mmCIF file of all heavy atoms, coordinates in Angstrom:
data_MODEL
# 
_entry.id   MODEL 
# 
loop_
_atom_site.group_PDB 
_atom_site.id 
_atom_site.type_symbol 
_atom_site.label_atom_id 
_atom_site.label_alt_id 
_atom_site.label_comp_id 
_atom_site.label_asym_id 
_atom_site.label_entity_id 
_atom_site.label_seq_id 
_atom_site.pdbx_PDB_ins_code 
_atom_site.Cartn_x 
_atom_site.Cartn_y 
_atom_site.Cartn_z 
_atom_site.occupancy 
_atom_site.B_iso_or_equiv 
_atom_site.pdbx_formal_charge 
_atom_site.auth_seq_id 
_atom_site.auth_comp_id 
_atom_site.auth_asym_id 
_atom_site.auth_atom_id 
_atom_site.pdbx_PDB_model_num 
ATOM 1   N N   . GLY A 1 1  ? 24.076 -0.233 60.613 1.00 0.00 ? 1  GLY A N   1 
ATOM 2   C CA  . GLY A 1 1  ? 24.328 -1.523 60.006 1.00 0.00 ? 1  GLY A CA  1 
ATOM 3   C C   . GLY A 1 1  ? 25.788 -1.947 60.024 1.00 0.00 ? 1  GLY A C   1 
ATOM 4   O O   . GLY A 1 1  ? 26.124 -3.004 59.538 1.00 0.00 ? 1  GLY A O   1 
ATOM 5   N N   . GLY A 1 2  ? 26.706 -1.136 60.545 1.00 0.00 ? 2  GLY A N   1 
ATOM 6   C CA  . GLY A 1 2  ? 28.088 -1.570 60.652 1.00 0.00 ? 2  GLY A CA  1 
ATOM 7   C C   . GLY A 1 2  ? 29.071 -0.695 59.922 1.00 0.00 ? 2  GLY A C   1 
ATOM 8   O O   . GLY A 1 2  ? 28.803 0.462  59.627 1.00 0.00 ? 2  GLY A O   1 
ATOM 9   N N   . ALA A 1 3  ? 30.236 -1.270 59.623 1.00 0.00 ? 3  ALA A N   1 
ATOM 10  C CA  . ALA A 1 3  ? 31.312 -0.526 58.965 1.00 0.00 ? 3  ALA A CA  1 
ATOM 11  C C   . ALA A 1 3  ? 30.927 -0.175 57.536 1.00 0.00 ? 3  ALA A C   1 
ATOM 12  O O   . ALA A 1 3  ? 30.243 -0.929 56.859 1.00 0.00 ? 3  ALA A O   1 
ATOM 13  C CB  . ALA A 1 3  ? 32.587 -1.345 58.977 1.00 0.00 ? 3  ALA A CB  1 
ATOM 14  N N   . VAL A 1 4  ? 31.375 0.971  57.090 1.00 0.00 ? 4  VAL A N   1 
ATOM 15  C CA  . VAL A 1 4  ? 31.070 1.476  55.757 1.00 0.00 ? 4  VAL A CA  1 
ATOM 16  C C   . VAL A 1 4  ? 32.085 0.919  54.762 1.00 0.00 ? 4  VAL A C   1 
ATOM 17  O O   . VAL A 1 4  ? 33.287 0.942  55.007 1.00 0.00 ? 4  VAL A O   1 
ATOM 18  C CB  . VAL A 1 4  ? 31.120 3.018  55.741 1.00 0.00 ? 4  VAL A CB  1 
ATOM 19  C CG1 . VAL A 1 4  ? 30.939 3.552  54.338 1.00 0.00 ? 4  VAL A CG1 1 
ATOM 20  C CG2 . VAL A 1 4  ? 30.077 3.580  56.672 1.00 0.00 ? 4  VAL A CG2 1 
ATOM 21  N N   . THR A 1 5  ? 31.593 0.454  53.638 1.00 0.00 ? 5  THR A N   1 
ATOM 22  C CA  . THR A 1 5  ? 32.470 -0.075 52.599 1.00 0.00 ? 5  THR A CA  1 
ATOM 23  C C   . THR A 1 5  ? 32.830 1.012  51.597 1.00 0.00 ? 5  THR A C   1 
ATOM 24  O O   . THR A 1 5  ? 32.196 2.068  51.543 1.00 0.00 ? 5  THR A O   1 
ATOM 25  C CB  . THR A 1 5  ? 31.788 -1.229 51.838 1.00 0.00 ? 5  THR A CB  1 
ATOM 26  O OG1 . THR A 1 5  ? 30.678 -0.704 51.105 1.00 0.00 ? 5  THR A OG1 1 
ATOM 27  C CG2 . THR A 1 5  ? 31.313 -2.320 52.789 1.00 0.00 ? 5  THR A CG2 1 
ATOM 28  N N   . ARG A 1 6  ? 33.833 0.726  50.795 1.00 0.00 ? 6  ARG A N   1 
ATOM 29  C CA  . ARG A 1 6  ? 34.233 1.649  49.727 1.00 0.00 ? 6  ARG A CA  1 
ATOM 30  C C   . ARG A 1 6  ? 33.069 1.886  48.775 1.00 0.00 ? 6  ARG A C   1 
ATOM 31  O O   . ARG A 1 6  ? 32.820 3.019  48.344 1.00 0.00 ? 6  ARG A O   1 
ATOM 32  C CB  . ARG A 1 6  ? 35.434 1.071  48.968 1.00 0.00 ? 6  ARG A CB  1 
ATOM 33  C CG  . ARG A 1 6  ? 35.905 1.937  47.813 1.00 0.00 ? 6  ARG A CG  1 
ATOM 34  C CD  . ARG A 1 6  ? 37.043 1.297  47.044 1.00 0.00 ? 6  ARG A CD  1 
ATOM 35  N NE  . ARG A 1 6  ? 36.766 -0.057 46.591 1.00 0.00 ? 6  ARG A NE  1 
ATOM 36  C CZ  . ARG A 1 6  ? 36.088 -0.355 45.470 1.00 0.00 ? 6  ARG A CZ  1 
ATOM 37  N NH1 . ARG A 1 6  ? 35.622 0.581  44.703 1.00 0.00 ? 6  ARG A NH1 1 
ATOM 38  N NH2 . ARG A 1 6  ? 35.891 -1.620 45.131 1.00 0.00 ? 6  ARG A NH2 1 
ATOM 39  N N   . LEU A 1 7  ? 32.308 0.843  48.459 1.00 0.00 ? 7  LEU A N   1 
ATOM 40  C CA  . LEU A 1 7  ? 31.170 0.989  47.546 1.00 0.00 ? 7  LEU A CA  1 
ATOM 41  C C   . LEU A 1 7  ? 30.094 1.906  48.124 1.00 0.00 ? 7  LEU A C   1 
ATOM 42  O O   . LEU A 1 7  ? 29.476 2.685  47.393 1.00 0.00 ? 7  LEU A O   1 
ATOM 43  C CB  . LEU A 1 7  ? 30.581 -0.380 47.193 1.00 0.00 ? 7  LEU A CB  1 
ATOM 44  C CG  . LEU A 1 7  ? 31.460 -1.267 46.331 1.00 0.00 ? 7  LEU A CG  1 
ATOM 45  C CD1 . LEU A 1 7  ? 30.807 -2.638 46.134 1.00 0.00 ? 7  LEU A CD1 1 
ATOM 46  C CD2 . LEU A 1 7  ? 31.742 -0.616 44.989 1.00 0.00 ? 7  LEU A CD2 1 
ATOM 47  N N   . GLN A 1 8  ? 29.868 1.821  49.429 1.00 0.00 ? 8  GLN A N   1 
ATOM 48  C CA  . GLN A 1 8  ? 28.889 2.708  50.066 1.00 0.00 ? 8  GLN A CA  1 
ATOM 49  C C   . GLN A 1 8  ? 29.354 4.163  49.989 1.00 0.00 ? 8  GLN A C   1 
ATOM 50  O O   . GLN A 1 8  ? 28.545 5.060  49.746 1.00 0.00 ? 8  GLN A O   1 
ATOM 51  C CB  . GLN A 1 8  ? 28.658 2.299  51.517 1.00 0.00 ? 8  GLN A CB  1 
ATOM 52  C CG  . GLN A 1 8  ? 27.901 0.997  51.659 1.00 0.00 ? 8  GLN A CG  1 
ATOM 53  C CD  . GLN A 1 8  ? 27.889 0.490  53.073 1.00 0.00 ? 8  GLN A CD  1 
ATOM 54  O OE1 . GLN A 1 8  ? 28.919 0.524  53.763 1.00 0.00 ? 8  GLN A OE1 1 
ATOM 55  N NE2 . GLN A 1 8  ? 26.749 0.006  53.522 1.00 0.00 ? 8  GLN A NE2 1 
ATOM 56  N N   . ARG A 1 9  ? 30.655 4.383  50.220 1.00 0.00 ? 9  ARG A N   1 
ATOM 57  C CA  . ARG A 1 9  ? 31.184 5.755  50.117 1.00 0.00 ? 9  ARG A CA  1 
ATOM 58  C C   . ARG A 1 9  ? 31.074 6.264  48.687 1.00 0.00 ? 9  ARG A C   1 
ATOM 59  O O   . ARG A 1 9  ? 30.704 7.412  48.454 1.00 0.00 ? 9  ARG A O   1 
ATOM 60  C CB  . ARG A 1 9  ? 32.634 5.799  50.599 1.00 0.00 ? 9  ARG A CB  1 
ATOM 61  C CG  . ARG A 1 9  ? 32.785 5.628  52.099 1.00 0.00 ? 9  ARG A CG  1 
ATOM 62  C CD  . ARG A 1 9  ? 34.198 5.939  52.573 1.00 0.00 ? 9  ARG A CD  1 
ATOM 63  N NE  . ARG A 1 9  ? 35.223 5.172  51.885 1.00 0.00 ? 9  ARG A NE  1 
ATOM 64  C CZ  . ARG A 1 9  ? 35.730 4.028  52.323 1.00 0.00 ? 9  ARG A CZ  1 
ATOM 65  N NH1 . ARG A 1 9  ? 35.301 3.508  53.454 1.00 0.00 ? 9  ARG A NH1 1 
ATOM 66  N NH2 . ARG A 1 9  ? 36.678 3.406  51.649 1.00 0.00 ? 9  ARG A NH2 1 
ATOM 67  N N   . GLU A 1 10 ? 31.382 5.402  47.725 1.00 0.00 ? 10 GLU A N   1 
ATOM 68  C CA  . GLU A 1 10 ? 31.303 5.807  46.317 1.00 0.00 ? 10 GLU A CA  1 
ATOM 69  C C   . GLU A 1 10 ? 29.873 6.141  45.916 1.00 0.00 ? 10 GLU A C   1 
ATOM 70  O O   . GLU A 1 10 ? 29.638 7.100  45.186 1.00 0.00 ? 10 GLU A O   1 
ATOM 71  C CB  . GLU A 1 10 ? 31.863 4.703  45.416 1.00 0.00 ? 10 GLU A CB  1 
ATOM 72  C CG  . GLU A 1 10 ? 33.372 4.589  45.489 1.00 0.00 ? 10 GLU A CG  1 
ATOM 73  C CD  . GLU A 1 10 ? 33.917 3.423  44.688 1.00 0.00 ? 10 GLU A CD  1 
ATOM 74  O OE1 . GLU A 1 10 ? 33.123 2.662  44.081 1.00 0.00 ? 10 GLU A OE1 1 
ATOM 75  O OE2 . GLU A 1 10 ? 35.154 3.269  44.669 1.00 0.00 ? 10 GLU A OE2 1 
ATOM 76  N N   . LYS A 1 11 ? 28.906 5.369  46.397 1.00 0.00 ? 11 LYS A N   1 
ATOM 77  C CA  . LYS A 1 11 ? 27.508 5.644  46.078 1.00 0.00 ? 11 LYS A CA  1 
ATOM 78  C C   . LYS A 1 11 ? 27.103 7.010  46.621 1.00 0.00 ? 11 LYS A C   1 
ATOM 79  O O   . LYS A 1 11 ? 26.475 7.809  45.919 1.00 0.00 ? 11 LYS A O   1 
ATOM 80  C CB  . LYS A 1 11 ? 26.581 4.568  46.642 1.00 0.00 ? 11 LYS A CB  1 
ATOM 81  C CG  . LYS A 1 11 ? 25.125 4.877  46.367 1.00 0.00 ? 11 LYS A CG  1 
ATOM 82  C CD  . LYS A 1 11 ? 24.192 3.817  46.870 1.00 0.00 ? 11 LYS A CD  1 
ATOM 83  C CE  . LYS A 1 11 ? 22.766 4.287  46.586 1.00 0.00 ? 11 LYS A CE  1 
ATOM 84  N NZ  . LYS A 1 11 ? 21.790 3.250  46.723 1.00 0.00 ? 11 LYS A NZ  1 
ATOM 85  N N   . ALA A 1 12 ? 27.449 7.285  47.863 1.00 0.00 ? 12 ALA A N   1 
ATOM 86  C CA  . ALA A 1 12 ? 27.119 8.578  48.466 1.00 0.00 ? 12 ALA A CA  1 
ATOM 87  C C   . ALA A 1 12 ? 27.758 9.713  47.674 1.00 0.00 ? 12 ALA A C   1 
ATOM 88  O O   . ALA A 1 12 ? 27.111 10.735 47.398 1.00 0.00 ? 12 ALA A O   1 
ATOM 89  C CB  . ALA A 1 12 ? 27.586 8.617  49.919 1.00 0.00 ? 12 ALA A CB  1 
ATOM 90  N N   . ASP A 1 13 ? 29.007 9.532  47.286 1.00 0.00 ? 13 ASP A N   1 
ATOM 91  C CA  . ASP A 1 13 ? 29.705 10.570 46.519 1.00 0.00 ? 13 ASP A CA  1 
ATOM 92  C C   . ASP A 1 13 ? 29.079 10.772 45.145 1.00 0.00 ? 13 ASP A C   1 
ATOM 93  O O   . ASP A 1 13 ? 28.941 11.906 44.678 1.00 0.00 ? 13 ASP A O   1 
ATOM 94  C CB  . ASP A 1 13 ? 31.192 10.228 46.377 1.00 0.00 ? 13 ASP A CB  1 
ATOM 95  C CG  . ASP A 1 13 ? 31.933 10.288 47.707 1.00 0.00 ? 13 ASP A CG  1 
ATOM 96  O OD1 . ASP A 1 13 ? 31.388 10.856 48.675 1.00 0.00 ? 13 ASP A OD1 1 
ATOM 97  O OD2 . ASP A 1 13 ? 33.058 9.753  47.766 1.00 0.00 ? 13 ASP A OD2 1 
ATOM 98  N N   . GLU A 1 14 ? 28.674 9.684  44.494 1.00 0.00 ? 14 GLU A N   1 
ATOM 99  C CA  . GLU A 1 14 ? 28.031 9.790  43.179 1.00 0.00 ? 14 GLU A CA  1 
ATOM 100 C C   . GLU A 1 14 ? 26.706 10.549 43.271 1.00 0.00 ? 14 GLU A C   1 
ATOM 101 O O   . GLU A 1 14 ? 26.405 11.397 42.424 1.00 0.00 ? 14 GLU A O   1 
ATOM 102 C CB  . GLU A 1 14 ? 27.790 8.405  42.588 1.00 0.00 ? 14 GLU A CB  1 
ATOM 103 C CG  . GLU A 1 14 ? 29.047 7.731  42.097 1.00 0.00 ? 14 GLU A CG  1 
ATOM 104 C CD  . GLU A 1 14 ? 28.811 6.290  41.667 1.00 0.00 ? 14 GLU A CD  1 
ATOM 105 O OE1 . GLU A 1 14 ? 27.642 5.874  41.531 1.00 0.00 ? 14 GLU A OE1 1 
ATOM 106 O OE2 . GLU A 1 14 ? 29.816 5.584  41.468 1.00 0.00 ? 14 GLU A OE2 1 
ATOM 107 N N   . LEU A 1 15 ? 25.918 10.245 44.299 1.00 0.00 ? 15 LEU A N   1 
ATOM 108 C CA  . LEU A 1 15 ? 24.640 10.939 44.481 1.00 0.00 ? 15 LEU A CA  1 
ATOM 109 C C   . LEU A 1 15 ? 24.868 12.434 44.721 1.00 0.00 ? 15 LEU A C   1 
ATOM 110 O O   . LEU A 1 15 ? 24.185 13.284 44.144 1.00 0.00 ? 15 LEU A O   1 
ATOM 111 C CB  . LEU A 1 15 ? 23.863 10.314 45.640 1.00 0.00 ? 15 LEU A CB  1 
ATOM 112 C CG  . LEU A 1 15 ? 23.371 8.885  45.416 1.00 0.00 ? 15 LEU A CG  1 
ATOM 113 C CD1 . LEU A 1 15 ? 22.848 8.296  46.726 1.00 0.00 ? 15 LEU A CD1 1 
ATOM 114 C CD2 . LEU A 1 15 ? 22.312 8.831  44.326 1.00 0.00 ? 15 LEU A CD2 1 
ATOM 115 N N   . PHE A 1 16 ? 25.822 12.749 45.572 1.00 0.00 ? 16 PHE A N   1 
ATOM 116 C CA  . PHE A 1 16 ? 26.147 14.144 45.875 1.00 0.00 ? 16 PHE A CA  1 
ATOM 117 C C   . PHE A 1 16 ? 26.680 14.855 44.630 1.00 0.00 ? 16 PHE A C   1 
ATOM 118 O O   . PHE A 1 16 ? 26.277 15.984 44.328 1.00 0.00 ? 16 PHE A O   1 
ATOM 119 C CB  . PHE A 1 16 ? 27.187 14.192 47.002 1.00 0.00 ? 16 PHE A CB  1 
ATOM 120 C CG  . PHE A 1 16 ? 27.635 15.581 47.338 1.00 0.00 ? 16 PHE A CG  1 
ATOM 121 C CD1 . PHE A 1 16 ? 26.916 16.366 48.220 1.00 0.00 ? 16 PHE A CD1 1 
ATOM 122 C CD2 . PHE A 1 16 ? 28.775 16.112 46.772 1.00 0.00 ? 16 PHE A CD2 1 
ATOM 123 C CE1 . PHE A 1 16 ? 27.332 17.656 48.538 1.00 0.00 ? 16 PHE A CE1 1 
ATOM 124 C CE2 . PHE A 1 16 ? 29.198 17.397 47.075 1.00 0.00 ? 16 PHE A CE2 1 
ATOM 125 C CZ  . PHE A 1 16 ? 28.473 18.164 47.963 1.00 0.00 ? 16 PHE A CZ  1 
ATOM 126 N N   . ASP A 1 17 ? 27.592 14.187 43.909 1.00 0.00 ? 17 ASP A N   1 
ATOM 127 C CA  . ASP A 1 17 ? 28.188 14.795 42.713 1.00 0.00 ? 17 ASP A CA  1 
ATOM 128 C C   . ASP A 1 17 ? 27.145 15.076 41.647 1.00 0.00 ? 17 ASP A C   1 
ATOM 129 O O   . ASP A 1 17 ? 27.202 16.106 40.975 1.00 0.00 ? 17 ASP A O   1 
ATOM 130 C CB  . ASP A 1 17 ? 29.290 13.906 42.145 1.00 0.00 ? 17 ASP A CB  1 
ATOM 131 C CG  . ASP A 1 17 ? 30.521 13.849 43.021 1.00 0.00 ? 17 ASP A CG  1 
ATOM 132 O OD1 . ASP A 1 17 ? 30.651 14.699 43.932 1.00 0.00 ? 17 ASP A OD1 1 
ATOM 133 O OD2 . ASP A 1 17 ? 31.353 12.942 42.804 1.00 0.00 ? 17 ASP A OD2 1 
ATOM 134 N N   . ARG A 1 18 ? 26.183 14.173 41.491 1.00 0.00 ? 18 ARG A N   1 
ATOM 135 C CA  . ARG A 1 18 ? 25.123 14.381 40.488 1.00 0.00 ? 18 ARG A CA  1 
ATOM 136 C C   . ARG A 1 18 ? 24.309 15.626 40.841 1.00 0.00 ? 18 ARG A C   1 
ATOM 137 O O   . ARG A 1 18 ? 24.048 16.475 39.983 1.00 0.00 ? 18 ARG A O   1 
ATOM 138 C CB  . ARG A 1 18 ? 24.221 13.144 40.416 1.00 0.00 ? 18 ARG A CB  1 
ATOM 139 C CG  . ARG A 1 18 ? 23.030 13.295 39.531 1.00 0.00 ? 18 ARG A CG  1 
ATOM 140 C CD  . ARG A 1 18 ? 23.399 13.331 38.066 1.00 0.00 ? 18 ARG A CD  1 
ATOM 141 N NE  . ARG A 1 18 ? 22.201 13.447 37.260 1.00 0.00 ? 18 ARG A NE  1 
ATOM 142 C CZ  . ARG A 1 18 ? 22.101 14.206 36.188 1.00 0.00 ? 18 ARG A CZ  1 
ATOM 143 N NH1 . ARG A 1 18 ? 23.139 14.876 35.751 1.00 0.00 ? 18 ARG A NH1 1 
ATOM 144 N NH2 . ARG A 1 18 ? 20.963 14.279 35.520 1.00 0.00 ? 18 ARG A NH2 1 
ATOM 145 N N   . LEU A 1 19 ? 23.898 15.747 42.079 1.00 0.00 ? 19 LEU A N   1 
ATOM 146 C CA  . LEU A 1 19 ? 23.116 16.905 42.499 1.00 0.00 ? 19 LEU A CA  1 
ATOM 147 C C   . LEU A 1 19 ? 23.936 18.184 42.371 1.00 0.00 ? 19 LEU A C   1 
ATOM 148 O O   . LEU A 1 19 ? 23.453 19.189 41.833 1.00 0.00 ? 19 LEU A O   1 
ATOM 149 C CB  . LEU A 1 19 ? 22.623 16.732 43.938 1.00 0.00 ? 19 LEU A CB  1 
ATOM 150 C CG  . LEU A 1 19 ? 21.820 17.891 44.520 1.00 0.00 ? 19 LEU A CG  1 
ATOM 151 C CD1 . LEU A 1 19 ? 20.581 18.201 43.668 1.00 0.00 ? 19 LEU A CD1 1 
ATOM 152 C CD2 . LEU A 1 19 ? 21.436 17.590 45.957 1.00 0.00 ? 19 LEU A CD2 1 
ATOM 153 N N   . SER A 1 20 ? 25.168 18.156 42.807 1.00 0.00 ? 20 SER A N   1 
ATOM 154 C CA  . SER A 1 20 ? 26.036 19.336 42.726 1.00 0.00 ? 20 SER A CA  1 
ATOM 155 C C   . SER A 1 20 ? 26.241 19.778 41.283 1.00 0.00 ? 20 SER A C   1 
ATOM 156 O O   . SER A 1 20 ? 26.208 20.970 40.971 1.00 0.00 ? 20 SER A O   1 
ATOM 157 C CB  . SER A 1 20 ? 27.397 19.052 43.364 1.00 0.00 ? 20 SER A CB  1 
ATOM 158 O OG  . SER A 1 20 ? 27.247 18.811 44.725 1.00 0.00 ? 20 SER A OG  1 
ATOM 159 N N   . SER A 1 21 ? 26.439 18.819 40.405 1.00 0.00 ? 21 SER A N   1 
ATOM 160 C CA  . SER A 1 21 ? 26.638 19.126 38.989 1.00 0.00 ? 21 SER A CA  1 
ATOM 161 C C   . SER A 1 21 ? 25.409 19.800 38.397 1.00 0.00 ? 21 SER A C   1 
ATOM 162 O O   . SER A 1 21 ? 25.516 20.794 37.664 1.00 0.00 ? 21 SER A O   1 
ATOM 163 C CB  . SER A 1 21 ? 26.953 17.836 38.229 1.00 0.00 ? 21 SER A CB  1 
ATOM 164 O OG  . SER A 1 21 ? 27.043 18.085 36.849 1.00 0.00 ? 21 SER A OG  1 
ATOM 165 N N   . LEU A 1 22 ? 24.255 19.273 38.717 1.00 0.00 ? 22 LEU A N   1 
ATOM 166 C CA  . LEU A 1 22 ? 23.013 19.882 38.210 1.00 0.00 ? 22 LEU A CA  1 
ATOM 167 C C   . LEU A 1 22 ? 22.852 21.312 38.714 1.00 0.00 ? 22 LEU A C   1 
ATOM 168 O O   . LEU A 1 22 ? 22.463 22.205 37.956 1.00 0.00 ? 22 LEU A O   1 
ATOM 169 C CB  . LEU A 1 22 ? 21.811 19.034 38.616 1.00 0.00 ? 22 LEU A CB  1 
ATOM 170 C CG  . LEU A 1 22 ? 21.663 17.722 37.863 1.00 0.00 ? 22 LEU A CG  1 
ATOM 171 C CD1 . LEU A 1 22 ? 20.678 16.809 38.586 1.00 0.00 ? 22 LEU A CD1 1 
ATOM 172 C CD2 . LEU A 1 22 ? 21.210 17.980 36.428 1.00 0.00 ? 22 LEU A CD2 1 
ATOM 173 N N   . LEU A 1 23 ? 23.149 21.529 39.971 1.00 0.00 ? 23 LEU A N   1 
ATOM 174 C CA  . LEU A 1 23 ? 23.002 22.879 40.526 1.00 0.00 ? 23 LEU A CA  1 
ATOM 175 C C   . LEU A 1 23 ? 24.014 23.847 39.916 1.00 0.00 ? 23 LEU A C   1 
ATOM 176 O O   . LEU A 1 23 ? 23.689 25.011 39.694 1.00 0.00 ? 23 LEU A O   1 
ATOM 177 C CB  . LEU A 1 23 ? 23.119 22.833 42.049 1.00 0.00 ? 23 LEU A CB  1 
ATOM 178 C CG  . LEU A 1 23 ? 22.008 22.051 42.743 1.00 0.00 ? 23 LEU A CG  1 
ATOM 179 C CD1 . LEU A 1 23 ? 22.259 21.984 44.246 1.00 0.00 ? 23 LEU A CD1 1 
ATOM 180 C CD2 . LEU A 1 23 ? 20.635 22.624 42.438 1.00 0.00 ? 23 LEU A CD2 1 
ATOM 181 N N   . ARG A 1 24 ? 25.217 23.367 39.624 1.00 0.00 ? 24 ARG A N   1 
ATOM 182 C CA  . ARG A 1 24 ? 26.199 24.226 38.939 1.00 0.00 ? 24 ARG A CA  1 
ATOM 183 C C   . ARG A 1 24 ? 25.720 24.568 37.528 1.00 0.00 ? 24 ARG A C   1 
ATOM 184 O O   . ARG A 1 24 ? 25.928 25.679 37.045 1.00 0.00 ? 24 ARG A O   1 
ATOM 185 C CB  . ARG A 1 24 ? 27.561 23.532 38.873 1.00 0.00 ? 24 ARG A CB  1 
ATOM 186 C CG  . ARG A 1 24 ? 28.364 23.635 40.141 1.00 0.00 ? 24 ARG A CG  1 
ATOM 187 C CD  . ARG A 1 24 ? 29.789 23.163 39.941 1.00 0.00 ? 24 ARG A CD  1 
ATOM 188 N NE  . ARG A 1 24 ? 29.868 21.792 39.462 1.00 0.00 ? 24 ARG A NE  1 
ATOM 189 C CZ  . ARG A 1 24 ? 29.884 20.712 40.245 1.00 0.00 ? 24 ARG A CZ  1 
ATOM 190 N NH1 . ARG A 1 24 ? 29.806 20.851 41.547 1.00 0.00 ? 24 ARG A NH1 1 
ATOM 191 N NH2 . ARG A 1 24 ? 29.969 19.515 39.717 1.00 0.00 ? 24 ARG A NH2 1 
ATOM 192 N N   . ASP A 1 25 ? 25.061 23.619 36.865 1.00 0.00 ? 25 ASP A N   1 
ATOM 193 C CA  . ASP A 1 25 ? 24.551 23.845 35.513 1.00 0.00 ? 25 ASP A CA  1 
ATOM 194 C C   . ASP A 1 25 ? 23.465 24.917 35.459 1.00 0.00 ? 25 ASP A C   1 
ATOM 195 O O   . ASP A 1 25 ? 23.169 25.442 34.394 1.00 0.00 ? 25 ASP A O   1 
ATOM 196 C CB  . ASP A 1 25 ? 23.992 22.548 34.916 1.00 0.00 ? 25 ASP A CB  1 
ATOM 197 C CG  . ASP A 1 25 ? 25.079 21.549 34.578 1.00 0.00 ? 25 ASP A CG  1 
ATOM 198 O OD1 . ASP A 1 25 ? 26.277 21.923 34.594 1.00 0.00 ? 25 ASP A OD1 1 
ATOM 199 O OD2 . ASP A 1 25 ? 24.739 20.373 34.302 1.00 0.00 ? 25 ASP A OD2 1 
# 
């Protein structure tokens, strides 16, 4: 779909961080 925006990067990071946090817990 084209160039990646800051918001798209932030969404990906938030999803990853949520999963990582749960696994650390």
